[in-house]
């Protein structure tokens, strides 16, 4: 899908709520923010929305916050 719109997967941020979707997005090379129940361990490489926002809800989230999260997650990937 990323290539269809002219982007590489590494340039994409995916919000996903199912394990298989998170796994697929990580395998494709995307940055993934997971919206999953607290009792479900996300796949390796997924950052939980609740860890970024203290909630599994988008209430109060704005574009600037999403841009900052994306930049921070990508920087952490490069530095690891």
N, C-alpha and C. Protein backbone atom coordinates (compact mmCIF):
# COMPACT_ATOMS: atom_id res chain seq x y z
N UNK A 1 0.83 -1.19 0.00
CA UNK A 1 0.00 0.00 0.00
C UNK A 1 0.87 1.26 0.00
N UNK A 2 1.96 1.21 0.77
CA UNK A 2 2.84 2.39 0.83
C UNK A 2 3.38 2.73 -0.55
N UNK A 3 3.86 1.75 -1.24
CA UNK A 3 4.43 1.99 -2.57
C UNK A 3 3.39 2.49 -3.57
N UNK A 4 2.15 2.06 -3.40
CA UNK A 4 1.08 2.52 -4.29
C UNK A 4 0.89 4.03 -4.20
N UNK A 5 1.15 4.59 -3.04
CA UNK A 5 1.01 6.04 -2.88
C UNK A 5 2.35 6.76 -2.92
N UNK A 6 3.40 6.05 -3.31
CA UNK A 6 4.70 6.67 -3.53
C UNK A 6 5.61 6.80 -2.33
N UNK A 7 5.40 5.97 -1.31
CA UNK A 7 6.24 6.02 -0.12
C UNK A 7 6.87 4.64 0.14
N UNK A 8 7.98 4.66 0.83
CA UNK A 8 8.59 3.43 1.31
C UNK A 8 7.95 3.09 2.66
N UNK A 9 7.86 1.82 3.01
CA UNK A 9 7.27 1.46 4.30
C UNK A 9 7.92 2.17 5.50
N UNK A 10 9.21 2.39 5.44
CA UNK A 10 9.91 3.06 6.55
C UNK A 10 9.42 4.49 6.75
N UNK A 11 8.75 5.05 5.76
CA UNK A 11 8.23 6.41 5.86
C UNK A 11 6.80 6.44 6.39
N UNK A 12 6.26 5.26 6.72
CA UNK A 12 4.85 5.16 7.10
C UNK A 12 4.66 4.86 8.58
N UNK A 13 3.65 5.49 9.14
CA UNK A 13 3.22 5.24 10.51
C UNK A 13 1.89 4.52 10.45
N UNK A 14 1.81 3.38 11.13
CA UNK A 14 0.60 2.57 11.12
C UNK A 14 0.03 2.51 12.53
N UNK A 15 -1.24 2.79 12.65
CA UNK A 15 -1.98 2.57 13.89
C UNK A 15 -2.77 1.29 13.66
N UNK A 16 -2.57 0.29 14.52
CA UNK A 16 -3.19 -1.01 14.30
C UNK A 16 -3.70 -1.58 15.61
N UNK A 17 -4.83 -2.30 15.53
CA UNK A 17 -5.40 -2.87 16.74
C UNK A 17 -5.43 -4.39 16.75
N UNK A 18 -4.99 -5.04 15.70
CA UNK A 18 -4.98 -6.51 15.73
C UNK A 18 -3.54 -7.02 15.61
N UNK A 19 -3.29 -8.13 16.28
CA UNK A 19 -1.95 -8.70 16.35
C UNK A 19 -1.38 -8.97 14.95
N UNK A 20 -2.19 -9.60 14.09
CA UNK A 20 -1.69 -9.93 12.75
C UNK A 20 -1.39 -8.67 11.93
N UNK A 21 -2.22 -7.65 12.09
CA UNK A 21 -1.96 -6.40 11.39
C UNK A 21 -0.69 -5.73 11.87
N UNK A 22 -0.47 -5.76 13.20
CA UNK A 22 0.77 -5.19 13.75
C UNK A 22 1.98 -5.96 13.24
N UNK A 23 1.87 -7.30 13.26
CA UNK A 23 2.97 -8.14 12.79
C UNK A 23 3.30 -7.86 11.33
N UNK A 24 2.27 -7.75 10.51
CA UNK A 24 2.47 -7.48 9.08
C UNK A 24 3.09 -6.12 8.83
N UNK A 25 2.64 -5.12 9.56
CA UNK A 25 3.17 -3.77 9.37
C UNK A 25 4.64 -3.69 9.80
N UNK A 26 4.97 -4.35 10.90
CA UNK A 26 6.38 -4.39 11.33
C UNK A 26 7.22 -5.13 10.30
N UNK A 27 6.73 -6.27 9.81
CA UNK A 27 7.48 -7.05 8.82
C UNK A 27 7.69 -6.25 7.54
N UNK A 28 6.75 -5.38 7.20
CA UNK A 28 6.88 -4.56 6.00
C UNK A 28 7.89 -3.42 6.18
N UNK A 29 8.23 -3.12 7.44
CA UNK A 29 9.18 -2.05 7.71
C UNK A 29 8.57 -0.75 8.17
N UNK A 30 7.28 -0.77 8.49
CA UNK A 30 6.59 0.43 8.97
C UNK A 30 6.85 0.65 10.46
N UNK A 31 6.61 1.86 10.90
CA UNK A 31 6.57 2.17 12.31
C UNK A 31 5.14 1.91 12.77
N UNK A 32 4.99 1.19 13.89
CA UNK A 32 3.65 0.77 14.31
C UNK A 32 3.35 1.22 15.73
N UNK A 33 2.19 1.85 15.88
CA UNK A 33 1.65 2.17 17.19
C UNK A 33 0.45 1.26 17.38
N UNK A 34 0.52 0.45 18.44
CA UNK A 34 -0.51 -0.55 18.68
C UNK A 34 -1.60 -0.06 19.61
N UNK A 35 -2.82 -0.38 19.25
CA UNK A 35 -4.00 -0.11 20.08
C UNK A 35 -4.54 -1.46 20.49
N UNK A 36 -4.01 -1.99 21.56
CA UNK A 36 -4.35 -3.34 21.96
C UNK A 36 -4.66 -3.37 23.46
N UNK A 37 -5.42 -4.38 23.88
CA UNK A 37 -5.74 -4.49 25.30
C UNK A 37 -4.49 -4.62 26.16
N UNK A 38 -4.58 -4.16 27.39
CA UNK A 38 -3.43 -4.21 28.29
C UNK A 38 -2.92 -5.62 28.54
N UNK A 39 -3.82 -6.60 28.48
CA UNK A 39 -3.41 -7.98 28.75
C UNK A 39 -2.84 -8.70 27.54
N UNK A 40 -2.71 -8.00 26.41
CA UNK A 40 -2.16 -8.60 25.20
C UNK A 40 -0.78 -8.00 24.94
N UNK A 41 0.21 -8.84 24.86
CA UNK A 41 1.57 -8.39 24.56
C UNK A 41 1.69 -8.14 23.05
N UNK A 42 2.08 -6.95 22.63
CA UNK A 42 2.19 -6.68 21.19
C UNK A 42 3.43 -7.35 20.61
N UNK A 43 3.47 -7.51 19.29
CA UNK A 43 4.67 -8.04 18.66
C UNK A 43 5.88 -7.14 18.92
N UNK A 44 7.05 -7.71 18.85
CA UNK A 44 8.29 -6.93 19.02
C UNK A 44 8.32 -5.79 18.01
N UNK A 45 8.73 -4.63 18.48
CA UNK A 45 8.85 -3.47 17.61
C UNK A 45 7.64 -2.56 17.60
N UNK A 46 6.53 -2.99 18.21
CA UNK A 46 5.32 -2.18 18.28
C UNK A 46 5.35 -1.32 19.55
N UNK A 47 5.02 -0.06 19.40
CA UNK A 47 4.92 0.84 20.54
C UNK A 47 3.44 1.00 20.86
N UNK A 48 3.09 0.78 22.11
CA UNK A 48 1.68 0.88 22.51
C UNK A 48 1.26 2.34 22.62
N UNK A 49 0.07 2.64 22.11
CA UNK A 49 -0.47 3.99 22.22
C UNK A 49 -0.53 4.42 23.68
N UNK A 50 -0.90 3.51 24.57
CA UNK A 50 -1.02 3.87 25.99
C UNK A 50 0.34 4.27 26.57
N UNK A 51 1.45 3.78 26.01
CA UNK A 51 2.77 4.18 26.49
C UNK A 51 3.13 5.60 26.05
N UNK A 52 2.54 6.03 24.96
CA UNK A 52 2.79 7.37 24.44
C UNK A 52 1.82 8.40 24.99
N UNK A 53 0.60 7.94 25.26
CA UNK A 53 -0.50 8.86 25.54
C UNK A 53 -1.23 8.56 26.85
N UNK A 54 -0.77 7.57 27.58
CA UNK A 54 -1.41 7.13 28.84
C UNK A 54 -2.85 6.70 28.65
N UNK A 55 -3.20 6.33 27.44
CA UNK A 55 -4.56 5.90 27.12
C UNK A 55 -4.53 5.12 25.81
N UNK A 56 -5.51 4.28 25.62
CA UNK A 56 -5.65 3.55 24.37
C UNK A 56 -6.69 4.23 23.48
N UNK A 57 -6.92 5.52 23.74
CA UNK A 57 -7.90 6.31 23.02
C UNK A 57 -7.20 7.48 22.33
N UNK A 58 -7.77 7.92 21.23
CA UNK A 58 -7.22 9.08 20.52
C UNK A 58 -7.75 10.40 21.07
N UNK A 59 -8.57 10.34 22.10
CA UNK A 59 -9.11 11.57 22.66
C UNK A 59 -7.96 12.47 23.14
N UNK A 60 -7.94 13.69 22.65
CA UNK A 60 -6.91 14.65 23.02
C UNK A 60 -5.67 14.59 22.15
N UNK A 61 -5.60 13.66 21.22
CA UNK A 61 -4.44 13.53 20.34
C UNK A 61 -4.61 14.51 19.18
N UNK A 62 -3.51 15.18 18.83
CA UNK A 62 -3.55 16.07 17.67
C UNK A 62 -2.40 15.72 16.71
N UNK A 63 -2.39 16.35 15.57
CA UNK A 63 -1.40 16.04 14.53
C UNK A 63 0.03 16.26 15.00
N UNK A 64 0.24 17.30 15.78
CA UNK A 64 1.59 17.59 16.26
C UNK A 64 2.10 16.47 17.16
N UNK A 65 1.22 15.93 17.98
CA UNK A 65 1.60 14.82 18.86
C UNK A 65 2.00 13.60 18.03
N UNK A 66 1.21 13.30 17.01
CA UNK A 66 1.48 12.15 16.17
C UNK A 66 2.82 12.33 15.45
N UNK A 67 3.08 13.52 14.94
CA UNK A 67 4.36 13.79 14.28
C UNK A 67 5.52 13.61 15.24
N UNK A 68 5.36 14.07 16.47
CA UNK A 68 6.42 13.92 17.47
C UNK A 68 6.65 12.45 17.80
N UNK A 69 5.59 11.69 18.00
CA UNK A 69 5.72 10.27 18.30
C UNK A 69 6.46 9.55 17.17
N UNK A 70 6.06 9.84 15.94
CA UNK A 70 6.67 9.20 14.78
C UNK A 70 8.17 9.49 14.75
N UNK A 71 8.52 10.74 14.94
CA UNK A 71 9.94 11.13 14.93
C UNK A 71 10.71 10.44 16.06
N UNK A 72 10.13 10.40 17.25
CA UNK A 72 10.81 9.78 18.39
C UNK A 72 10.98 8.28 18.19
N UNK A 73 9.95 7.62 17.69
CA UNK A 73 10.04 6.16 17.47
C UNK A 73 11.07 5.85 16.39
N UNK A 74 11.06 6.61 15.32
CA UNK A 74 12.04 6.39 14.24
C UNK A 74 13.47 6.64 14.73
N UNK A 75 13.66 7.68 15.53
CA UNK A 75 14.99 7.97 16.08
C UNK A 75 15.46 6.85 17.00
N UNK A 76 14.55 6.32 17.80
CA UNK A 76 14.90 5.21 18.70
C UNK A 76 15.30 3.98 17.90
N UNK A 77 14.65 3.73 16.78
CA UNK A 77 15.00 2.59 15.92
C UNK A 77 16.43 2.74 15.39
N UNK A 78 16.75 3.94 14.96
CA UNK A 78 18.08 4.21 14.39
C UNK A 78 19.16 4.05 15.46
N UNK A 79 18.86 4.48 16.67
CA UNK A 79 19.84 4.44 17.76
C UNK A 79 19.93 3.09 18.46
N UNK A 80 19.09 2.13 18.08
CA UNK A 80 19.16 0.83 18.74
C UNK A 80 19.95 -0.18 17.95
